[in-house]
Amino acid sequence: MRYFVTGGAGFIGSNLCDRLLQKGNDVTCYDNFSTGKDNFLVEAKKSPNFRLIKGDLLDEKLLESSIAGHDFVFHLAANADVRFGTNHPRRDLEQNTIVTFNVLEAMRKNGMNKIAFSSTGSIYGEAGVIPTPEDSPFPIQTSLYGASKLACEGLISAYAEGFGFQGWIFRFVSILGERYTHGHVYDFYQKLKSDPNKMQVLGNGRQKKSYLYIQDCLDAIFIALDKANEKVNIFNLGTREYCEVNNSIQWLCESLGAQPKLEYTGGERGWIGDNPFIFLDTKKINSLGWKPKLSIREGILKTLEFLQNNEWVYKSIP
């Protein structure tokens, strides 16, 4: 199989490229390196079956020519900066929704019809049903990021109906693990390195979150691709547990031997669009025989270990 991976130099994408290559596939990574890291592709570049294209998904001509000849698209590229979405409202529209349209059009023009898409549990907003199943009633959207991803899902479903596409949509909780460069563990470790005696926490620390280890996430994706064959296949991916932000801080501090004074910013949300309770129902993917191998705590500590051993990721150069 020939796979085309958008955002293939990023956290999830580079791990996916490695796994696809290990399975003997041909893989093309397409990335503009706005957040992707060339160092994440060291192993992939050793394979003769790997090709790297530095390009932007807003460049329609380059995208259309690059995607030609592939069998399957993993569309992972996105602006994942939920926290600062209101500071640049157009970014989520362009880098999530419009580029997804560009990918779908490039596929259509090249006679391709199979796509897997990285969506998010944020599309549920502040869900009225906890744990939240895939068919939960949708509340009002609470973040531009979630709204843009929901629009992407709609486009994929419409292309499946209108042009015979087949889609696999994965609504992730926050993913943790090797090559992680964005999120609470990244931020907390940076703060504790800077000053182990005090740390500011956005919100009240009682926000309830679920997290999933990267390799468990990829295992789930491959099982869904193998066993789910509807026109549009939608899966929540997460663990059957959650923790408070305070729990995560405790595990990190215990591992680092730090005892900082915590300074809370107040309120149940850390920022606009930060849902105070995210916990997805994963019975659908579990029914296919998947369950995560690592607990949330184990995933957090593996992430910390990666950051300790790879502090270069805190540099701004990809």
Protein backbone atom coordinates (compact mmCIF):
# COMPACT_ATOMS: atom_id res chain seq x y z
CA MET A 1 0.00 0.00 0.00
CA ARG A 2 1.07 3.55 -0.70
CA TYR A 3 0.11 5.92 2.13
CA PHE A 4 0.06 9.72 2.06
CA VAL A 5 0.40 11.24 5.55
CA THR A 6 -0.31 14.94 6.05
CA GLY A 7 1.41 16.34 9.11
CA GLY A 8 3.74 13.35 8.95
CA ALA A 9 6.59 15.16 10.71
CA GLY A 10 4.46 15.92 13.75
CA PHE A 11 3.94 14.03 17.00
CA ILE A 12 1.26 11.58 15.90
CA GLY A 13 2.16 11.67 12.22
CA SER A 14 5.82 10.72 12.61
CA ASN A 15 4.96 7.82 14.89
CA LEU A 16 2.37 6.71 12.34
CA CYS A 17 4.92 6.90 9.49
CA ASP A 18 7.28 4.65 11.46
CA ARG A 19 4.56 2.09 12.08
CA LEU A 20 3.43 2.07 8.44
CA LEU A 21 7.01 1.60 7.25
CA GLN A 22 7.53 -1.24 9.74
CA LYS A 23 4.57 -2.97 8.10
CA GLY A 24 6.32 -2.82 4.72
CA ASN A 25 4.31 0.01 3.15
CA ASP A 26 5.39 2.94 0.99
CA VAL A 27 4.90 6.22 2.87
CA THR A 28 4.91 9.85 1.73
CA CYS A 29 5.11 12.47 4.47
CA TYR A 30 3.70 15.88 3.52
CA ASP A 31 4.44 18.62 6.07
CA ASN A 32 5.12 22.36 6.11
CA PHE A 33 7.20 22.05 9.31
CA SER A 34 5.32 24.81 11.10
CA THR A 35 5.29 22.50 14.12
CA GLY A 36 6.72 19.25 12.70
CA LYS A 37 10.29 18.29 13.51
CA ASP A 38 12.84 16.91 11.08
CA ASN A 39 14.41 14.97 13.97
CA PHE A 40 11.19 12.97 14.28
CA LEU A 41 11.82 11.52 10.80
CA VAL A 42 15.31 10.15 11.47
CA GLU A 43 14.15 6.53 11.51
CA ALA A 44 11.71 6.98 8.62
CA LYS A 45 14.42 8.45 6.39
CA LYS A 46 16.44 5.26 6.74
CA SER A 47 13.79 3.43 4.73
CA PRO A 48 13.91 3.36 0.93
CA ASN A 49 10.09 3.28 1.03
CA PHE A 50 9.87 6.76 2.59
CA ARG A 51 9.48 10.04 0.76
CA LEU A 52 9.34 13.52 2.30
CA ILE A 53 7.62 16.49 0.67
CA LYS A 54 7.92 19.87 2.34
CA GLY A 55 4.75 21.63 1.38
CA ASP A 56 1.70 23.47 2.65
CA LEU A 57 -1.81 22.07 2.25
CA LEU A 58 -2.95 25.53 1.15
CA ASP A 59 -0.76 25.06 -1.94
CA GLU A 60 -3.40 23.26 -4.00
CA LYS A 61 -1.24 22.56 -7.07
CA LEU A 62 1.61 21.01 -5.07
CA LEU A 63 -0.83 19.00 -2.98
CA GLU A 64 -2.68 17.67 -6.03
CA SER A 65 0.53 16.55 -7.76
CA SER A 66 2.03 15.11 -4.58
CA ILE A 67 -0.97 13.03 -3.58
CA ALA A 68 -1.28 11.35 -6.98
CA GLY A 69 -0.62 7.62 -7.09
CA HIS A 70 -1.36 6.86 -3.44
CA ASP A 71 -3.91 4.36 -2.16
CA PHE A 72 -4.86 5.88 1.19
CA VAL A 73 -4.62 9.25 2.97
CA PHE A 74 -4.02 9.83 6.66
CA HIS A 75 -4.96 13.47 7.21
CA LEU A 76 -3.35 14.53 10.51
CA ALA A 77 -2.12 18.05 9.72
CA ALA A 78 -3.94 20.72 11.72
CA ASN A 79 -3.64 23.71 13.97
CA ALA A 80 -4.01 22.08 17.38
CA ASP A 81 -3.64 25.23 19.46
CA VAL A 82 -7.02 25.24 21.23
CA ARG A 83 -5.91 27.58 23.96
CA PHE A 84 -5.09 30.60 21.79
CA GLY A 85 -7.78 30.06 19.17
CA THR A 86 -9.59 33.31 19.94
CA ASN A 87 -6.36 35.26 19.36
CA HIS A 88 -6.30 34.27 15.67
CA PRO A 89 -9.81 33.12 14.63
CA ARG A 90 -8.94 32.58 10.96
CA ARG A 91 -6.18 30.05 11.70
CA ASP A 92 -8.51 27.18 12.66
CA LEU A 93 -10.63 27.82 9.57
CA GLU A 94 -7.65 27.84 7.21
CA GLN A 95 -5.41 25.19 8.74
CA ASN A 96 -8.17 22.76 9.71
CA THR A 97 -11.29 23.20 7.59
CA ILE A 98 -10.01 24.69 4.33
CA VAL A 99 -7.00 22.39 4.11
CA THR A 100 -9.27 19.39 4.70
CA PHE A 101 -11.37 20.53 1.74
CA ASN A 102 -8.14 20.84 -0.28
CA VAL A 103 -7.11 17.29 0.65
CA LEU A 104 -10.52 15.89 -0.30
CA GLU A 105 -10.50 17.74 -3.62
CA ALA A 106 -6.96 16.58 -4.42
CA MET A 107 -8.08 13.03 -3.71
CA ARG A 108 -11.19 13.36 -5.87
CA LYS A 109 -9.23 14.75 -8.80
CA ASN A 110 -6.78 11.85 -8.54
CA GLY A 111 -9.41 9.13 -8.26
CA MET A 112 -8.66 8.35 -4.60
CA ASN A 113 -11.38 7.68 -2.05
CA LYS A 114 -10.05 6.39 1.29
CA ILE A 115 -9.16 8.75 4.14
CA ALA A 116 -8.52 8.54 7.87
CA PHE A 117 -8.92 11.80 9.78
CA SER A 118 -7.73 12.94 13.19
CA SER A 119 -10.67 14.68 14.81
CA THR A 120 -11.06 15.51 18.50
CA GLY A 121 -13.21 14.97 21.55
CA SER A 122 -13.51 18.77 21.65
CA ILE A 123 -16.31 18.55 19.08
CA TYR A 124 -18.63 17.44 21.90
CA GLY A 125 -18.26 20.82 23.58
CA GLU A 126 -19.40 20.60 27.18
CA ALA A 127 -21.13 17.29 26.72
CA GLY A 128 -24.37 16.52 28.51
CA VAL A 129 -23.60 12.79 28.56
CA ILE A 130 -20.51 11.52 30.43
CA PRO A 131 -18.80 9.32 29.31
CA THR A 132 -19.65 10.70 25.89
CA PRO A 133 -20.57 8.23 23.10
CA GLU A 134 -20.10 8.84 19.38
CA ASP A 135 -23.84 9.40 18.89
CA SER A 136 -24.17 11.91 21.72
CA PRO A 137 -26.36 14.96 21.01
CA PHE A 138 -24.09 17.82 20.01
CA PRO A 139 -24.20 20.87 22.30
CA ILE A 140 -23.11 24.39 21.40
CA GLN A 141 -19.46 24.45 20.29
CA THR A 142 -17.09 25.93 22.86
CA SER A 143 -13.88 26.35 20.85
CA LEU A 144 -12.96 27.45 17.35
CA TYR A 145 -10.74 24.37 17.15
CA GLY A 146 -13.62 22.00 17.91
CA ALA A 147 -15.93 23.84 15.52
CA SER A 148 -13.39 23.65 12.69
CA LYS A 149 -12.82 19.93 13.25
CA LEU A 150 -16.56 19.26 13.26
CA ALA A 151 -16.78 21.06 9.92
CA CYS A 152 -14.03 18.74 8.61
CA GLU A 153 -16.04 15.72 9.69
CA GLY A 154 -19.02 17.10 7.82
CA LEU A 155 -16.97 17.54 4.66
CA ILE A 156 -15.66 13.97 4.82
CA SER A 157 -19.17 12.61 5.34
CA ALA A 158 -20.47 14.71 2.42
CA TYR A 159 -17.68 13.47 0.12
CA ALA A 160 -18.49 9.91 1.18
CA GLU A 161 -22.10 10.48 0.17
CA GLY A 162 -21.47 12.53 -2.93
CA PHE A 163 -18.32 11.01 -4.40
CA GLY A 164 -18.14 7.48 -3.01
CA PHE A 165 -15.41 8.17 -0.46
CA GLN A 166 -14.84 5.99 2.58
CA GLY A 167 -13.75 7.68 5.79
CA TRP A 168 -12.46 6.73 9.21
CA ILE A 169 -12.86 9.57 11.71
CA PHE A 170 -11.06 9.34 15.05
CA ARG A 171 -12.13 11.60 17.91
CA PHE A 172 -9.09 11.67 20.18
CA VAL A 173 -8.66 12.62 23.76
CA SER A 174 -5.26 14.27 24.36
CA ILE A 175 -2.47 12.00 23.12
CA LEU A 176 0.72 11.48 25.13
CA GLY A 177 4.07 9.81 24.56
CA GLU A 178 7.27 9.99 22.58
CA ARG A 179 7.63 13.10 20.34
CA TYR A 180 4.95 14.97 22.30
CA THR A 181 5.60 18.71 22.01
CA HIS A 182 2.36 20.41 22.99
CA GLY A 183 0.14 20.17 26.04
CA HIS A 184 0.05 20.10 29.81
CA VAL A 185 3.00 17.75 30.49
CA TYR A 186 5.15 19.80 28.11
CA ASP A 187 4.13 23.03 29.85
CA PHE A 188 4.41 21.75 33.42
CA TYR A 189 7.86 20.24 32.90
CA GLN A 190 9.07 23.49 31.35
CA LYS A 191 7.73 25.47 34.32
CA LEU A 192 9.27 23.12 36.88
CA LYS A 193 12.65 23.29 35.14
CA SER A 194 12.47 27.07 35.25
CA ASP A 195 11.41 27.23 38.92
CA PRO A 196 10.87 24.00 40.92
CA ASN A 197 9.55 25.98 43.90
CA LYS A 198 6.38 27.41 42.41
CA MET A 199 4.12 26.77 39.44
CA GLN A 200 1.10 28.53 38.02
CA VAL A 201 -1.82 26.29 37.05
CA LEU A 202 -4.48 27.48 34.61
CA GLY A 203 -7.91 26.93 36.12
CA ASN A 204 -8.54 25.37 39.54
CA GLY A 205 -6.66 22.10 38.96
CA ARG A 206 -9.86 20.07 39.24
CA GLN A 207 -10.54 19.89 35.51
CA LYS A 208 -11.12 16.25 34.63
CA LYS A 209 -9.27 14.97 31.56
CA SER A 210 -8.58 11.71 29.77
CA TYR A 211 -5.33 10.95 27.95
CA LEU A 212 -4.11 8.16 25.66
CA TYR A 213 -0.60 6.87 24.95
CA ILE A 214 0.51 7.30 21.33
CA GLN A 215 1.22 3.63 20.57
CA ASP A 216 -2.13 2.60 22.05
CA CYS A 217 -3.74 5.25 19.85
CA LEU A 218 -2.08 3.85 16.72
CA ASP A 219 -3.05 0.29 17.67
CA ALA A 220 -6.68 1.43 17.84
CA ILE A 221 -6.48 3.14 14.46
CA PHE A 222 -5.09 0.04 12.74
CA ILE A 223 -7.74 -2.19 14.31
CA ALA A 224 -10.50 0.17 13.16
CA LEU A 225 -9.12 0.28 9.62
CA ASP A 226 -8.97 -3.49 9.55
CA LYS A 227 -12.36 -4.27 11.06
CA ALA A 228 -14.69 -1.31 10.36
CA ASN A 229 -15.96 -1.04 6.79
CA GLU A 230 -18.90 1.37 6.75
CA LYS A 231 -19.07 4.36 4.43
CA VAL A 232 -18.14 6.62 7.37
CA ASN A 233 -16.64 5.03 10.48
CA ILE A 234 -16.48 7.23 13.59
CA PHE A 235 -14.60 6.18 16.73
CA ASN A 236 -13.83 7.78 20.06
CA LEU A 237 -10.26 6.96 21.13
CA GLY A 238 -9.35 7.24 24.80
CA THR A 239 -8.91 5.32 28.00
CA ARG A 240 -11.69 4.09 30.26
CA GLU A 241 -10.46 6.40 33.01
CA TYR A 242 -9.79 10.07 33.62
CA CYS A 243 -7.76 12.12 36.06
CA GLU A 244 -7.77 15.62 37.47
CA VAL A 245 -5.11 18.09 36.42
CA ASN A 246 -3.98 17.99 40.06
CA ASN A 247 -3.36 14.23 39.77
CA SER A 248 -1.14 14.80 36.76
CA ILE A 249 0.81 17.49 38.62
CA GLN A 250 1.28 15.15 41.57
CA TRP A 251 2.67 12.34 39.39
CA LEU A 252 5.06 14.70 37.63
CA CYS A 253 6.29 16.29 40.87
CA GLU A 254 6.79 12.90 42.53
CA SER A 255 8.87 11.71 39.57
CA LEU A 256 10.96 14.90 39.54
CA GLY A 257 11.30 15.16 43.31
CA ALA A 258 9.76 18.64 43.23
CA GLN A 259 7.44 20.25 45.78
CA PRO A 260 6.31 23.50 44.19
CA LYS A 261 3.80 25.89 45.61
CA LEU A 262 0.86 25.79 43.22
CA GLU A 263 -0.72 29.05 42.16
CA TYR A 264 -4.18 28.56 40.64
CA THR A 265 -5.61 31.16 38.29
CA GLY A 266 -9.14 30.39 39.45
CA GLY A 267 -12.30 29.22 37.75
CA GLU A 268 -13.14 25.79 36.44
CA ARG A 269 -11.61 26.53 33.02
CA GLY A 270 -8.00 27.24 32.17
CA TRP A 271 -8.93 29.20 29.03
CA ILE A 272 -11.84 29.89 26.69
CA GLY A 273 -12.95 26.56 25.25
CA ASP A 274 -11.25 24.48 27.97
CA ASN A 275 -13.91 21.93 28.88
CA PRO A 276 -13.83 21.08 32.60
CA PHE A 277 -14.75 17.41 32.03
CA ILE A 278 -13.69 15.38 28.99
CA PHE A 279 -14.31 11.65 29.17
CA LEU A 280 -15.20 9.68 26.04
CA ASP A 281 -17.13 6.43 25.83
CA THR A 282 -14.88 3.94 24.00
CA LYS A 283 -17.17 0.90 23.93
CA LYS A 284 -17.34 1.01 20.12
CA ILE A 285 -13.58 0.62 19.55
CA ASN A 286 -13.35 -1.77 22.52
CA SER A 287 -15.91 -4.02 20.82
CA LEU A 288 -13.41 -4.59 18.00
CA GLY A 289 -10.95 -6.09 20.47
CA TRP A 290 -8.86 -3.02 21.36
CA LYS A 291 -7.96 -1.76 24.80
CA PRO A 292 -5.06 0.47 25.85
CA LYS A 293 -1.99 -1.12 27.35
CA LEU A 294 -0.90 1.91 29.39
CA SER A 295 -2.81 3.78 32.07
CA ILE A 296 -3.01 7.57 32.06
CA ARG A 297 -0.37 7.77 34.78
CA GLU A 298 1.99 5.49 32.83
CA GLY A 299 1.46 7.56 29.69
CA ILE A 300 2.22 10.80 31.53
CA LEU A 301 5.43 9.40 33.01
CA LYS A 302 6.55 8.04 29.62
CA THR A 303 5.97 11.50 28.18
CA LEU A 304 8.02 13.09 30.95
CA GLU A 305 10.84 10.62 30.27
CA PHE A 306 10.84 11.57 26.60
CA LEU A 307 10.99 15.29 27.41
CA GLN A 308 13.82 14.78 29.89
CA ASN A 309 15.83 12.90 27.28
CA ASN A 310 14.99 15.28 24.42
CA GLU A 311 15.06 18.81 25.77
CA TRP A 312 15.90 20.09 22.27
CA VAL A 313 12.13 20.00 21.56
CA TYR A 314 11.80 23.19 23.62
CA LYS A 315 13.74 25.05 20.94
CA SER A 316 11.61 26.87 18.38
CA ILE A 317 13.45 25.55 15.31
CA PRO A 318 11.70 22.46 13.83
